[in-house]
Amino acid sequence: MILVTGTVLSKPDALDELLRLSLEHVHRSRAEPGCISHDVHLDAENRLRLVFVERWSDLPALLAHFAVPASRGFIKAAAGLCAEAPQMQMYEATEIQR
């Protein structure tokens, strides 16, 4: 499984639009092949920071997600609303069964 985490810091006057675009992106991404989960959250300590958490079945599914024109469009639109460069981390993970 591939785990992706990321954050974006909104410009103060752009939060509503960035959140709208982010939710649209998340809802669309959930329907893509290989998407296990795709979520966006508001940071409790900084209300201008959005936190993304994604789980993908494998790297090819994630790379296919990056290649979707709507995903590239989201990145481009979001970049203009951010106060700083977005941060993203990708991990290869194994779920621990209890």
PDB file of N, CA and C in Angstrom:
ATOM      1  N   MET A   1       0.856  -1.166   0.000  1.00  0.00           N
ATOM      2  CA  MET A   1       0.000   0.000   0.000  1.00  0.00           C
ATOM      3  C   MET A   1       0.908   1.237   0.000  1.00  0.00           C
ATOM      4  N   ILE A   2       0.447   2.270  -0.676  1.00  0.00           N
ATOM      5  CA  ILE A   2       1.157   3.543  -0.699  1.00  0.00           C
ATOM      6  C   ILE A   2       0.359   4.548   0.141  1.00  0.00           C
ATOM      7  N   LEU A   3       1.036   5.202   1.054  1.00  0.00           N
ATOM      8  CA  LEU A   3       0.442   6.222   1.908  1.00  0.00           C
ATOM      9  C   LEU A   3       0.997   7.570   1.473  1.00  0.00           C
ATOM     10  N   VAL A   4       0.117   8.514   1.241  1.00  0.00           N
ATOM     11  CA  VAL A   4       0.513   9.866   0.842  1.00  0.00           C
ATOM     12  C   VAL A   4      -0.035  10.835   1.873  1.00  0.00           C
ATOM     13  N   THR A   5       0.820  11.721   2.369  1.00  0.00           N
ATOM     14  CA  THR A   5       0.373  12.805   3.233  1.00  0.00           C
ATOM     15  C   THR A   5       0.826  14.111   2.601  1.00  0.00           C
ATOM     16  N   GLY A   6       0.074  15.142   2.829  1.00  0.00           N
ATOM     17  CA  GLY A   6       0.444  16.432   2.280  1.00  0.00           C
ATOM     18  C   GLY A   6      -0.252  17.557   2.996  1.00  0.00           C
ATOM     19  N   THR A   7       0.315  18.745   2.868  1.00  0.00           N
ATOM     20  CA  THR A   7      -0.294  19.933   3.454  1.00  0.00           C
ATOM     21  C   THR A   7      -0.214  21.091   2.472  1.00  0.00           C
ATOM     22  N   VAL A   8      -1.203  21.952   2.553  1.00  0.00           N
ATOM     23  CA  VAL A   8      -1.191  23.215   1.824  1.00  0.00           C
ATOM     24  C   VAL A   8      -1.611  24.302   2.802  1.00  0.00           C
ATOM     25  N   LEU A   9      -0.971  25.449   2.696  1.00  0.00           N
ATOM     26  CA  LEU A   9      -1.305  26.596   3.540  1.00  0.00           C
ATOM     27  C   LEU A   9      -1.994  27.628   2.652  1.00  0.00           C
ATOM     28  N   SER A  10      -3.238  27.909   2.965  1.00  0.00           N
ATOM     29  CA  SER A  10      -4.045  28.826   2.166  1.00  0.00           C
ATOM     30  C   SER A  10      -3.685  30.279   2.442  1.00  0.00           C
ATOM     31  N   LYS A  11      -3.800  31.088   1.410  1.00  0.00           N
ATOM     32  CA  LYS A  11      -3.796  32.531   1.627  1.00  0.00           C
ATOM     33  C   LYS A  11      -5.058  32.841   2.429  1.00  0.00           C
ATOM     34  N   PRO A  12      -5.023  33.816   3.344  1.00  0.00           N
ATOM     35  CA  PRO A  12      -6.181  34.070   4.205  1.00  0.00           C
ATOM     36  C   PRO A  12      -7.494  34.300   3.456  1.00  0.00           C
ATOM     37  N   ASP A  13      -7.449  34.959   2.325  1.00  0.00           N
ATOM     38  CA  ASP A  13      -8.683  35.263   1.605  1.00  0.00           C
ATOM     39  C   ASP A  13      -9.090  34.171   0.615  1.00  0.00           C
ATOM     40  N   ALA A  14      -8.354  33.057   0.582  1.00  0.00           N
ATOM     41  CA  ALA A  14      -8.608  32.011  -0.409  1.00  0.00           C
ATOM     42  C   ALA A  14      -9.061  30.692   0.199  1.00  0.00           C
ATOM     43  N   LEU A  15      -9.225  30.620   1.516  1.00  0.00           N
ATOM     44  CA  LEU A  15      -9.518  29.346   2.168  1.00  0.00           C
ATOM     45  C   LEU A  15     -10.794  28.693   1.645  1.00  0.00           C
ATOM     46  N   ASP A  16     -11.864  29.443   1.509  1.00  0.00           N
ATOM     47  CA  ASP A  16     -13.124  28.845   1.059  1.00  0.00           C
ATOM     48  C   ASP A  16     -12.973  28.216  -0.321  1.00  0.00           C
ATOM     49  N   GLU A  17     -12.316  28.907  -1.231  1.00  0.00           N
ATOM     50  CA  GLU A  17     -12.126  28.375  -2.579  1.00  0.00           C
ATOM     51  C   GLU A  17     -11.179  27.174  -2.571  1.00  0.00           C
ATOM     52  N   LEU A  18     -10.106  27.241  -1.789  1.00  0.00           N
ATOM     53  CA  LEU A  18      -9.172  26.123  -1.710  1.00  0.00           C
ATOM     54  C   LEU A  18      -9.853  24.897  -1.111  1.00  0.00           C
ATOM     55  N   LEU A  19     -10.663  25.099  -0.097  1.00  0.00           N
ATOM     56  CA  LEU A  19     -11.391  23.978   0.505  1.00  0.00           C
ATOM     57  C   LEU A  19     -12.391  23.391  -0.487  1.00  0.00           C
ATOM     58  N   ARG A  20     -13.083  24.233  -1.242  1.00  0.00           N
ATOM     59  CA  ARG A  20     -14.030  23.745  -2.244  1.00  0.00           C
ATOM     60  C   ARG A  20     -13.320  22.897  -3.298  1.00  0.00           C
ATOM     61  N   LEU A  21     -12.208  23.412  -3.822  1.00  0.00           N
ATOM     62  CA  LEU A  21     -11.436  22.666  -4.817  1.00  0.00           C
ATOM     63  C   LEU A  21     -10.889  21.359  -4.239  1.00  0.00           C
ATOM     64  N   SER A  22     -10.437  21.409  -2.997  1.00  0.00           N
ATOM     65  CA  SER A  22      -9.871  20.216  -2.354  1.00  0.00           C
ATOM     66  C   SER A  22     -10.922  19.134  -2.172  1.00  0.00           C
ATOM     67  N   LEU A  23     -12.102  19.519  -1.729  1.00  0.00           N
ATOM     68  CA  LEU A  23     -13.170  18.533  -1.551  1.00  0.00           C
ATOM     69  C   LEU A  23     -13.607  17.940  -2.888  1.00  0.00           C
ATOM     70  N   GLU A  24     -13.661  18.765  -3.905  1.00  0.00           N
ATOM     71  CA  GLU A  24     -13.992  18.265  -5.248  1.00  0.00           C
ATOM     72  C   GLU A  24     -12.938  17.245  -5.702  1.00  0.00           C
ATOM     73  N   HIS A  25     -11.681  17.568  -5.479  1.00  0.00           N
ATOM     74  CA  HIS A  25     -10.585  16.675  -5.851  1.00  0.00           C
ATOM     75  C   HIS A  25     -10.658  15.358  -5.064  1.00  0.00           C
ATOM     76  N   VAL A  26     -10.885  15.443  -3.771  1.00  0.00           N
ATOM     77  CA  VAL A  26     -10.962  14.260  -2.916  1.00  0.00           C
ATOM     78  C   VAL A  26     -12.116  13.355  -3.363  1.00  0.00           C
ATOM     79  N   HIS A  27     -13.277  13.928  -3.572  1.00  0.00           N
ATOM     80  CA  HIS A  27     -14.442  13.120  -3.960  1.00  0.00           C
ATOM     81  C   HIS A  27     -14.215  12.441  -5.305  1.00  0.00           C
ATOM     82  N   ARG A  28     -13.621  13.147  -6.258  1.00  0.00           N
ATOM     83  CA  ARG A  28     -13.330  12.546  -7.564  1.00  0.00           C
ATOM     84  C   ARG A  28     -12.283  11.449  -7.435  1.00  0.00           C
ATOM     85  N   SER A  29     -11.253  11.702  -6.649  1.00  0.00           N
ATOM     86  CA  SER A  29     -10.146  10.742  -6.507  1.00  0.00           C
ATOM     87  C   SER A  29     -10.603   9.435  -5.880  1.00  0.00           C
ATOM     88  N   ARG A  30     -11.548   9.485  -4.987  1.00  0.00           N
ATOM     89  CA  ARG A  30     -12.033   8.273  -4.320  1.00  0.00           C
ATOM     90  C   ARG A  30     -12.595   7.254  -5.305  1.00  0.00           C
ATOM     91  N   ALA A  31     -13.053   7.705  -6.460  1.00  0.00           N
ATOM     92  CA  ALA A  31     -13.641   6.808  -7.461  1.00  0.00           C
ATOM     93  C   ALA A  31     -12.583   6.201  -8.390  1.00  0.00           C
ATOM     94  N   GLU A  32     -11.330   6.607  -8.270  1.00  0.00           N
ATOM     95  CA  GLU A  32     -10.280   6.104  -9.151  1.00  0.00           C
ATOM     96  C   GLU A  32      -9.863   4.688  -8.750  1.00  0.00           C
ATOM     97  N   PRO A  33      -9.492   3.876  -9.750  1.00  0.00           N
ATOM     98  CA  PRO A  33      -9.010   2.521  -9.447  1.00  0.00           C
ATOM     99  C   PRO A  33      -7.797   2.571  -8.526  1.00  0.00           C
ATOM    100  N   GLY A  34      -7.802   1.734  -7.501  1.00  0.00           N
ATOM    101  CA  GLY A  34      -6.676   1.650  -6.577  1.00  0.00           C
ATOM    102  C   GLY A  34      -6.732   2.600  -5.407  1.00  0.00           C
ATOM    103  N   CYS A  35      -7.716   3.508  -5.384  1.00  0.00           N
ATOM    104  CA  CYS A  35      -7.833   4.426  -4.251  1.00  0.00           C
ATOM    105  C   CYS A  35      -8.525   3.708  -3.093  1.00  0.00           C
ATOM    106  N   ILE A  36      -7.835   3.568  -1.989  1.00  0.00           N
ATOM    107  CA  ILE A  36      -8.405   2.956  -0.788  1.00  0.00           C
ATOM    108  C   ILE A  36      -9.107   4.032   0.046  1.00  0.00           C
ATOM    109  N   SER A  37      -8.460   5.177   0.184  1.00  0.00           N
ATOM    110  CA  SER A  37      -9.070   6.317   0.871  1.00  0.00           C
ATOM    111  C   SER A  37      -8.348   7.590   0.441  1.00  0.00           C
ATOM    112  N   HIS A  38      -9.094   8.686   0.518  1.00  0.00           N
ATOM    113  CA  HIS A  38      -8.533   9.986   0.111  1.00  0.00           C
ATOM    114  C   HIS A  38      -9.312  11.032   0.902  1.00  0.00           C
ATOM    115  N   ASP A  39      -8.635  11.721   1.814  1.00  0.00           N
ATOM    116  CA  ASP A  39      -9.310  12.638   2.730  1.00  0.00           C
ATOM    117  C   ASP A  39      -8.556  13.963   2.831  1.00  0.00           C
ATOM    118  N   VAL A  40      -9.294  15.008   3.187  1.00  0.00           N
ATOM    119  CA  VAL A  40      -8.696  16.304   3.481  1.00  0.00           C
ATOM    120  C   VAL A  40      -9.265  16.774   4.813  1.00  0.00           C
ATOM    121  N   HIS A  41      -8.413  17.380   5.626  1.00  0.00           N
ATOM    122  CA  HIS A  41      -8.785  17.828   6.974  1.00  0.00           C
ATOM    123  C   HIS A  41      -8.285  19.248   7.199  1.00  0.00           C
ATOM    124  N   LEU A  42      -8.972  19.985   8.066  1.00  0.00           N
ATOM    125  CA  LEU A  42      -8.493  21.290   8.516  1.00  0.00           C
ATOM    126  C   LEU A  42      -7.606  21.079   9.738  1.00  0.00           C
ATOM    127  N   ASP A  43      -6.439  21.685   9.745  1.00  0.00           N
ATOM    128  CA  ASP A  43      -5.507  21.609  10.863  1.00  0.00           C
ATOM    129  C   ASP A  43      -6.124  22.338  12.066  1.00  0.00           C
ATOM    130  N   ALA A  44      -6.210  21.674  13.207  1.00  0.00           N
ATOM    131  CA  ALA A  44      -6.815  22.261  14.408  1.00  0.00           C
ATOM    132  C   ALA A  44      -5.982  23.407  14.984  1.00  0.00           C
ATOM    133  N   GLU A  45      -4.693  23.438  14.673  1.00  0.00           N
ATOM    134  CA  GLU A  45      -3.834  24.493  15.201  1.00  0.00           C
ATOM    135  C   GLU A  45      -3.653  25.661  14.240  1.00  0.00           C
ATOM    136  N   ASN A  46      -3.902  25.424  12.967  1.00  0.00           N
ATOM    137  CA  ASN A  46      -3.777  26.489  11.975  1.00  0.00           C
ATOM    138  C   ASN A  46      -4.905  26.306  10.960  1.00  0.00           C
ATOM    139  N   ARG A  47      -5.969  27.062  11.101  1.00  0.00           N
ATOM    140  CA  ARG A  47      -7.168  26.901  10.276  1.00  0.00           C
ATOM    141  C   ARG A  47      -6.932  27.212   8.796  1.00  0.00           C
ATOM    142  N   LEU A  48      -5.774  27.729   8.443  1.00  0.00           N
ATOM    143  CA  LEU A  48      -5.464  27.975   7.036  1.00  0.00           C
ATOM    144  C   LEU A  48      -4.721  26.794   6.397  1.00  0.00           C
ATOM    145  N   ARG A  49      -4.384  25.786   7.194  1.00  0.00           N
ATOM    146  CA  ARG A  49      -3.639  24.628   6.687  1.00  0.00           C
ATOM    147  C   ARG A  49      -4.598  23.460   6.459  1.00  0.00           C
ATOM    148  N   LEU A  50      -4.551  22.922   5.237  1.00  0.00           N
ATOM    149  CA  LEU A  50      -5.302  21.709   4.902  1.00  0.00           C
ATOM    150  C   LEU A  50      -4.327  20.540   4.899  1.00  0.00           C
ATOM    151  N   VAL A  51      -4.778  19.409   5.436  1.00  0.00           N
ATOM    152  CA  VAL A  51      -3.956  18.207   5.526  1.00  0.00           C
ATOM    153  C   VAL A  51      -4.629  17.102   4.723  1.00  0.00           C
ATOM    154  N   PHE A  52      -3.886  16.516   3.805  1.00  0.00           N
ATOM    155  CA  PHE A  52      -4.389  15.429   2.971  1.00  0.00           C
ATOM    156  C   PHE A  52      -3.787  14.111   3.442  1.00  0.00           C
ATOM    157  N   VAL A  53      -4.613  13.072   3.485  1.00  0.00           N
ATOM    158  CA  VAL A  53      -4.164  11.714   3.799  1.00  0.00           C
ATOM    159  C   VAL A  53      -4.795  10.794   2.764  1.00  0.00           C
ATOM    160  N   GLU A  54      -3.942  10.070   2.052  1.00  0.00           N
ATOM    161  CA  GLU A  54      -4.410   9.179   0.984  1.00  0.00           C
ATOM    162  C   GLU A  54      -3.795   7.799   1.165  1.00  0.00           C
ATOM    163  N   ARG A  55      -4.573   6.774   0.800  1.00  0.00           N
ATOM    164  CA  ARG A  55      -4.055   5.402   0.748  1.00  0.00           C
ATOM    165  C   ARG A  55      -4.377   4.841  -0.626  1.00  0.00           C
ATOM    166  N   TRP A  56      -3.356   4.304  -1.282  1.00  0.00           N
ATOM    167  CA  TRP A  56      -3.481   3.731  -2.621  1.00  0.00           C
ATOM    168  C   TRP A  56      -3.017   2.282  -2.579  1.00  0.00           C
ATOM    169  N   SER A  57      -3.628   1.456  -3.412  1.00  0.00           N
ATOM    170  CA  SER A  57      -3.309   0.025  -3.413  1.00  0.00           C
ATOM    171  C   SER A  57      -1.849  -0.240  -3.777  1.00  0.00           C
ATOM    172  N   ASP A  58      -1.312   0.538  -4.722  1.00  0.00           N
ATOM    173  CA  ASP A  58       0.066   0.334  -5.168  1.00  0.00           C
ATOM    174  C   ASP A  58       0.558   1.573  -5.903  1.00  0.00           C
ATOM    175  N   LEU A  59       1.847   1.583  -6.226  1.00  0.00           N
ATOM    176  CA  LEU A  59       2.446   2.739  -6.886  1.00  0.00           C
ATOM    177  C   LEU A  59       1.860   2.988  -8.275  1.00  0.00           C
ATOM    178  N   PRO A  60       1.609   1.967  -9.098  1.00  0.00           N
ATOM    179  CA  PRO A  60       0.991   2.243 -10.402  1.00  0.00           C
ATOM    180  C   PRO A  60      -0.360   2.971 -10.285  1.00  0.00           C
ATOM    181  N   ALA A  61      -1.159   2.633  -9.289  1.00  0.00           N
ATOM    182  CA  ALA A  61      -2.443   3.337  -9.091  1.00  0.00           C
ATOM    183  C   ALA A  61      -2.202   4.805  -8.740  1.00  0.00           C
ATOM    184  N   LEU A  62      -1.224   5.064  -7.891  1.00  0.00           N
ATOM    185  CA  LEU A  62      -0.920   6.446  -7.520  1.00  0.00           C
ATOM    186  C   LEU A  62      -0.394   7.225  -8.720  1.00  0.00           C
ATOM    187  N   LEU A  63       0.485   6.610  -9.488  1.00  0.00           N
ATOM    188  CA  LEU A  63       1.019   7.292 -10.666  1.00  0.00           C
ATOM    189  C   LEU A  63      -0.075   7.562 -11.690  1.00  0.00           C
ATOM    190  N   ALA A  64      -1.026   6.636 -11.830  1.00  0.00           N
ATOM    191  CA  ALA A  64      -2.164   6.868 -12.724  1.00  0.00           C
ATOM    192  C   ALA A  64      -2.987   8.049 -12.220  1.00  0.00           C
ATOM    193  N   HIS A  65      -3.155   8.164 -10.905  1.00  0.00           N
ATOM    194  CA  HIS A  65      -3.876   9.293 -10.293  1.00  0.00           C
ATOM    195  C   HIS A  65      -3.184  10.609 -10.636  1.00  0.00           C
ATOM    196  N   PHE A  66      -1.860  10.644 -10.534  1.00  0.00           N
ATOM    197  CA  PHE A  66      -1.115  11.860 -10.862  1.00  0.00           C
ATOM    198  C   PHE A  66      -1.272  12.242 -12.330  1.00  0.00           C
ATOM    199  N   ALA A  67      -1.513  11.254 -13.191  1.00  0.00           N
ATOM    200  CA  ALA A  67      -1.618  11.500 -14.632  1.00  0.00           C
ATOM    201  C   ALA A  67      -3.008  11.952 -15.066  1.00  0.00           C
ATOM    202  N   VAL A  68      -4.000  11.844 -14.202  1.00  0.00           N
ATOM    203  CA  VAL A  68      -5.362  12.264 -14.542  1.00  0.00           C
ATOM    204  C   VAL A  68      -5.361  13.783 -14.752  1.00  0.00           C
ATOM    205  N   PRO A  69      -5.883  14.261 -15.884  1.00  0.00           N
ATOM    206  CA  PRO A  69      -5.885  15.707 -16.134  1.00  0.00           C
ATOM    207  C   PRO A  69      -6.529  16.525 -15.007  1.00  0.00           C
ATOM    208  N   ALA A  70      -7.587  16.008 -14.392  1.00  0.00           N
ATOM    209  CA  ALA A  70      -8.236  16.744 -13.300  1.00  0.00           C
ATOM    210  C   ALA A  70      -7.317  16.862 -12.080  1.00  0.00           C
ATOM    211  N   SER A  71      -6.473  15.863 -11.846  1.00  0.00           N
ATOM    212  CA  SER A  71      -5.516  15.941 -10.728  1.00  0.00           C
ATOM    213  C   SER A  71      -4.492  17.035 -10.998  1.00  0.00           C
ATOM    214  N   ARG A  72      -3.985  17.078 -12.218  1.00  0.00           N
ATOM    215  CA  ARG A  72      -3.023  18.131 -12.578  1.00  0.00           C
ATOM    216  C   ARG A  72      -3.694  19.508 -12.513  1.00  0.00           C
ATOM    217  N   GLY A  73      -4.951  19.569 -12.936  1.00  0.00           N
ATOM    218  CA  GLY A  73      -5.689  20.831 -12.868  1.00  0.00           C
ATOM    219  C   GLY A  73      -5.885  21.303 -11.440  1.00  0.00           C
ATOM    220  N   PHE A  74      -6.149  20.350 -10.529  1.00  0.00           N
ATOM    221  CA  PHE A  74      -6.307  20.700  -9.122  1.00  0.00           C
ATOM    222  C   PHE A  74      -5.012  21.298  -8.574  1.00  0.00           C
ATOM    223  N   ILE A  75      -3.885  20.651  -8.871  1.00  0.00           N
ATOM    224  CA  ILE A  75      -2.588  21.140  -8.376  1.00  0.00           C
ATOM    225  C   ILE A  75      -2.332  22.559  -8.872  1.00  0.00           C
ATOM    226  N   LYS A  76      -2.604  22.796 -10.136  1.00  0.00           N
ATOM    227  CA  LYS A  76      -2.360  24.116 -10.722  1.00  0.00           C
ATOM    228  C   LYS A  76      -3.273  25.176 -10.088  1.00  0.00           C
ATOM    229  N   ALA A  77      -4.556  24.853  -9.939  1.00  0.00           N
ATOM    230  CA  ALA A  77      -5.505  25.811  -9.354  1.00  0.00           C
ATOM    231  C   ALA A  77      -5.181  26.075  -7.885  1.00  0.00           C
ATOM    232  N   ALA A  78      -4.846  25.017  -7.147  1.00  0.00           N
ATOM    233  CA  ALA A  78      -4.551  25.159  -5.718  1.00  0.00           C
ATOM    234  C   ALA A  78      -3.291  25.989  -5.491  1.00  0.00           C
ATOM    235  N   ALA A  79      -2.306  25.820  -6.351  1.00  0.00           N
ATOM    236  CA  ALA A  79      -1.037  26.540  -6.178  1.00  0.00           C
ATOM    237  C   ALA A  79      -1.246  28.046  -6.127  1.00  0.00           C
ATOM    238  N   GLY A  80      -2.186  28.552  -6.902  1.00  0.00           N
ATOM    239  CA  GLY A  80      -2.442  29.985  -6.907  1.00  0.00           C
ATOM    240  C   GLY A  80      -3.151  30.487  -5.661  1.00  0.00           C
ATOM    241  N   LEU A  81      -3.664  29.577  -4.866  1.00  0.00           N
ATOM    242  CA  LEU A  81      -4.390  29.943  -3.645  1.00  0.00           C
ATOM    243  C   LEU A  81      -3.556  29.740  -2.384  1.00  0.00           C
ATOM    244  N   CYS A  82      -2.351  29.203  -2.545  1.00  0.00           N
ATOM    245  CA  CYS A  82      -1.513  28.856  -1.396  1.00  0.00           C
ATOM    246  C   CYS A  82      -0.545  29.978  -1.032  1.00  0.00           C
ATOM    247  N   ALA A  83      -0.279  30.092   0.265  1.00  0.00           N
ATOM    248  CA  ALA A  83       0.660  31.088   0.776  1.00  0.00           C
ATOM    249  C   ALA A  83       2.100  30.609   0.685  1.00  0.00           C
ATOM    250  N   GLU A  84       2.300  29.300   0.519  1.00  0.00           N
ATOM    251  CA  GLU A  84       3.639  28.724   0.395  1.00  0.00           C
ATOM    252  C   GLU A  84       3.531  27.447  -0.433  1.00  0.00           C
ATOM    253  N   ALA A  85       4.662  26.901  -0.819  1.00  0.00           N
ATOM    254  CA  ALA A  85       4.662  25.689  -1.636  1.00  0.00           C
ATOM    255  C   ALA A  85       4.023  24.524  -0.875  1.00  0.00           C
ATOM    256  N   PRO A  86       3.160  23.760  -1.539  1.00  0.00           N
ATOM    257  CA  PRO A  86       2.573  22.573  -0.893  1.00  0.00           C
ATOM    258  C   PRO A  86       3.669  21.573  -0.519  1.00  0.00           C
ATOM    259  N   GLN A  87       3.392  20.779   0.506  1.00  0.00           N
ATOM    260  CA  GLN A  87       4.304  19.730   0.958  1.00  0.00           C
ATOM    261  C   GLN A  87       3.633  18.381   0.728  1.00  0.00           C
ATOM    262  N   MET A  88       4.395  17.384   0.265  1.00  0.00           N
ATOM    263  CA  MET A  88       3.843  16.056   0.058  1.00  0.00           C
ATOM    264  C   MET A  88       4.905  15.015   0.395  1.00  0.00           C
ATOM    265  N   GLN A  89       4.468  13.956   1.067  1.00  0.00           N
ATOM    266  CA  GLN A  89       5.331  12.824   1.394  1.00  0.00           C
ATOM    267  C   GLN A  89       4.636  11.551   0.921  1.00  0.00           C
ATOM    268  N   MET A  90       5.412  10.591   0.416  1.00  0.00           N
ATOM    269  CA  MET A  90       4.870   9.306  -0.020  1.00  0.00           C
ATOM    270  C   MET A  90       5.633   8.198   0.696  1.00  0.00           C
ATOM    271  N   TYR A  91       4.894   7.189   1.152  1.00  0.00           N
ATOM    272  CA  TYR A  91       5.478   6.086   1.897  1.00  0.00           C
ATOM    273  C   TYR A  91       4.944   4.762   1.369  1.00  0.00           C
ATOM    274  N   GLU A  92       5.776   3.760   1.371  1.00  0.00           N
ATOM    275  CA  GLU A  92       5.329   2.407   1.131  1.00  0.00           C
ATOM    276  C   GLU A  92       5.024   1.820   2.501  1.00  0.00           C
ATOM    277  N   ALA A  93       3.826   1.297   2.682  1.00  0.00           N
ATOM    278  CA  ALA A  93       3.393   0.867   4.013  1.00  0.00           C
ATOM    279  C   ALA A  93       2.736  -0.509   3.970  1.00  0.00           C
ATOM    280  N   THR A  94       2.826  -1.188   5.076  1.00  0.00           N
ATOM    281  CA  THR A  94       2.142  -2.463   5.282  1.00  0.00           C
ATOM    282  C   THR A  94       1.245  -2.287   6.491  1.00  0.00           C
ATOM    283  N   GLU A  95      -0.026  -2.577   6.329  1.00  0.00           N
ATOM    284  CA  GLU A  95      -0.952  -2.450   7.450  1.00  0.00           C
ATOM    285  C   GLU A  95      -0.696  -3.573   8.451  1.00  0.00           C
ATOM    286  N   ILE A  96      -0.660  -3.231   9.703  1.00  0.00           N
ATOM    287  CA  ILE A  96      -0.445  -4.205  10.778  1.00  0.00           C
ATOM    288  C   ILE A  96      -1.816  -4.714  11.220  1.00  0.00           C
ATOM    289  N   GLN A  97      -2.020  -6.005  11.101  1.00  0.00           N
ATOM    290  CA  GLN A  97      -3.288  -6.616  11.513  1.00  0.00           C
ATOM    291  C   GLN A  97      -3.191  -7.002  12.983  1.00  0.00           C
ATOM    292  N   ARG A  98      -4.244  -6.727  13.724  1.00  0.00           N
ATOM    293  CA  ARG A  98      -4.267  -7.088  15.146  1.00  0.00           C
ATOM    294  C   ARG A  98      -5.171  -8.260  15.357  1.00  0.00           C
TER     295      ARG A  98
END
